[in-house]
């Protein structure tokens, strides 16, 4: 038999599932790539982590890591549309 606390937790879990997931998916679909000011930085960092570079490297007062030379050019495909919410990537 479920207790009152268990029932409240179940209700909260279901509410999050039925409200949070559709909201999150909607935001995922309506926000074009690279439309958030620091999204390219997150992309670069995710790439570094995927290569196993967990810690940043300090170089000339900056912290980060090494990226392939072609990586920033690959993101230029989104070029002038970056940070313009009404524009869409080609």
C-alpha atoms as a PDB file:
ATOM      1  CA  UNK A   1       0.000   0.000   0.000  1.00  0.00           C
ATOM      2  CA  UNK A   2       1.393   3.393  -0.983  1.00  0.00           C
ATOM      3  CA  UNK A   3       1.982   5.944   1.704  1.00  0.00           C
ATOM      4  CA  UNK A   4       0.944   9.540   1.434  1.00  0.00           C
ATOM      5  CA  UNK A   5       4.596  10.653   0.921  1.00  0.00           C
ATOM      6  CA  UNK A   6       5.036   8.052  -1.825  1.00  0.00           C
ATOM      7  CA  UNK A   7       1.928   9.307  -3.592  1.00  0.00           C
ATOM      8  CA  UNK A   8       3.164  12.915  -3.474  1.00  0.00           C
ATOM      9  CA  UNK A   9       6.537  11.870  -4.878  1.00  0.00           C
ATOM     10  CA  UNK A  10       4.834   9.907  -7.661  1.00  0.00           C
ATOM     11  CA  UNK A  11       2.686  12.920  -8.521  1.00  0.00           C
ATOM     12  CA  UNK A  12       5.724  15.185  -8.622  1.00  0.00           C
ATOM     13  CA  UNK A  13       7.643  12.746 -10.832  1.00  0.00           C
ATOM     14  CA  UNK A  14       4.779  12.412 -13.267  1.00  0.00           C
ATOM     15  CA  UNK A  15       4.234  16.167 -13.371  1.00  0.00           C
ATOM     16  CA  UNK A  16       7.892  16.734 -14.223  1.00  0.00           C
ATOM     17  CA  UNK A  17       7.736  14.057 -16.885  1.00  0.00           C
ATOM     18  CA  UNK A  18       4.599  15.393 -18.573  1.00  0.00           C
ATOM     19  CA  UNK A  19       5.499  19.093 -18.316  1.00  0.00           C
ATOM     20  CA  UNK A  20       9.296  19.170 -18.380  1.00  0.00           C
ATOM     21  CA  UNK A  21       9.984  16.779 -21.235  1.00  0.00           C
ATOM     22  CA  UNK A  22       7.637  18.434 -23.781  1.00  0.00           C
ATOM     23  CA  UNK A  23       8.929  21.888 -22.778  1.00  0.00           C
ATOM     24  CA  UNK A  24      12.544  20.771 -23.137  1.00  0.00           C
ATOM     25  CA  UNK A  25      11.910  19.181 -26.525  1.00  0.00           C
ATOM     26  CA  UNK A  26      10.097  22.295 -27.725  1.00  0.00           C
ATOM     27  CA  UNK A  27      13.031  24.505 -26.723  1.00  0.00           C
ATOM     28  CA  UNK A  28      15.404  22.080 -28.427  1.00  0.00           C
ATOM     29  CA  UNK A  29      13.468  22.284 -31.683  1.00  0.00           C
ATOM     30  CA  UNK A  30      12.782  26.034 -31.824  1.00  0.00           C
ATOM     31  CA  UNK A  31      16.282  27.230 -30.894  1.00  0.00           C
ATOM     32  CA  UNK A  32      18.475  27.158 -34.024  1.00  0.00           C
ATOM     33  CA  UNK A  33      22.080  25.984 -33.742  1.00  0.00           C
ATOM     34  CA  UNK A  34      24.589  28.490 -32.327  1.00  0.00           C
ATOM     35  CA  UNK A  35      21.979  31.058 -31.306  1.00  0.00           C
ATOM     36  CA  UNK A  36      23.132  31.288 -27.689  1.00  0.00           C
ATOM     37  CA  UNK A  37      26.085  33.658 -27.108  1.00  0.00           C
ATOM     38  CA  UNK A  38      28.436  31.059 -25.567  1.00  0.00           C
ATOM     39  CA  UNK A  39      27.288  28.003 -27.517  1.00  0.00           C
ATOM     40  CA  UNK A  40      30.441  27.761 -29.627  1.00  0.00           C
ATOM     41  CA  UNK A  41      32.492  27.632 -26.427  1.00  0.00           C
ATOM     42  CA  UNK A  42      30.324  24.785 -25.116  1.00  0.00           C
ATOM     43  CA  UNK A  43      30.709  22.989 -28.444  1.00  0.00           C
ATOM     44  CA  UNK A  44      34.504  23.292 -28.326  1.00  0.00           C
ATOM     45  CA  UNK A  45      34.620  22.075 -24.727  1.00  0.00           C
ATOM     46  CA  UNK A  46      32.357  19.099 -25.481  1.00  0.00           C
ATOM     47  CA  UNK A  47      34.681  18.188 -28.342  1.00  0.00           C
ATOM     48  CA  UNK A  48      37.713  18.323 -26.028  1.00  0.00           C
ATOM     49  CA  UNK A  49      35.984  16.144 -23.424  1.00  0.00           C
ATOM     50  CA  UNK A  50      35.037  13.629 -26.136  1.00  0.00           C
ATOM     51  CA  UNK A  51      38.773  13.264 -26.812  1.00  0.00           C
ATOM     52  CA  UNK A  52      39.471  12.625 -23.130  1.00  0.00           C
ATOM     53  CA  UNK A  53      40.867  16.099 -22.349  1.00  0.00           C
ATOM     54  CA  UNK A  54      39.157  16.507 -18.983  1.00  0.00           C
ATOM     55  CA  UNK A  55      41.354  19.301 -17.637  1.00  0.00           C
ATOM     56  CA  UNK A  56      41.931  22.642 -19.294  1.00  0.00           C
ATOM     57  CA  UNK A  57      45.423  23.793 -20.266  1.00  0.00           C
ATOM     58  CA  UNK A  58      46.788  27.137 -19.056  1.00  0.00           C
ATOM     59  CA  UNK A  59      48.581  29.024 -21.841  1.00  0.00           C
ATOM     60  CA  UNK A  60      49.610  32.699 -21.712  1.00  0.00           C
ATOM     61  CA  UNK A  61      47.048  33.539 -19.044  1.00  0.00           C
ATOM     62  CA  UNK A  62      44.182  31.750 -20.805  1.00  0.00           C
ATOM     63  CA  UNK A  63      42.663  28.412 -19.906  1.00  0.00           C
ATOM     64  CA  UNK A  64      41.320  26.020 -22.498  1.00  0.00           C
ATOM     65  CA  UNK A  65      42.632  23.338 -24.782  1.00  0.00           C
ATOM     66  CA  UNK A  66      43.930  22.650 -28.238  1.00  0.00           C
ATOM     67  CA  UNK A  67      41.503  22.282 -31.156  1.00  0.00           C
ATOM     68  CA  UNK A  68      42.072  21.236 -34.758  1.00  0.00           C
ATOM     69  CA  UNK A  69      42.679  24.240 -37.025  1.00  0.00           C
ATOM     70  CA  UNK A  70      39.615  23.408 -39.129  1.00  0.00           C
ATOM     71  CA  UNK A  71      37.151  23.325 -36.222  1.00  0.00           C
ATOM     72  CA  UNK A  72      36.365  27.082 -36.093  1.00  0.00           C
ATOM     73  CA  UNK A  73      36.076  27.153 -39.888  1.00  0.00           C
ATOM     74  CA  UNK A  74      33.520  24.340 -39.685  1.00  0.00           C
ATOM     75  CA  UNK A  75      31.325  26.490 -37.477  1.00  0.00           C
ATOM     76  CA  UNK A  76      31.510  29.346 -39.975  1.00  0.00           C
ATOM     77  CA  UNK A  77      28.777  27.535 -41.923  1.00  0.00           C
ATOM     78  CA  UNK A  78      26.400  29.202 -39.454  1.00  0.00           C
ATOM     79  CA  UNK A  79      28.237  32.517 -40.018  1.00  0.00           C
ATOM     80  CA  UNK A  80      26.050  35.594 -40.193  1.00  0.00           C
ATOM     81  CA  UNK A  81      23.064  33.837 -38.625  1.00  0.00           C
ATOM     82  CA  UNK A  82      24.872  33.386 -35.325  1.00  0.00           C
ATOM     83  CA  UNK A  83      23.143  35.286 -32.502  1.00  0.00           C
ATOM     84  CA  UNK A  84      20.187  36.326 -34.699  1.00  0.00           C
ATOM     85  CA  UNK A  85      17.127  34.468 -33.342  1.00  0.00           C
ATOM     86  CA  UNK A  86      15.015  35.086 -36.478  1.00  0.00           C
ATOM     87  CA  UNK A  87      17.595  33.580 -38.832  1.00  0.00           C
ATOM     88  CA  UNK A  88      18.038  29.907 -39.634  1.00  0.00           C
ATOM     89  CA  UNK A  89      21.178  27.983 -40.522  1.00  0.00           C
ATOM     90  CA  UNK A  90      21.731  27.131 -44.176  1.00  0.00           C
END
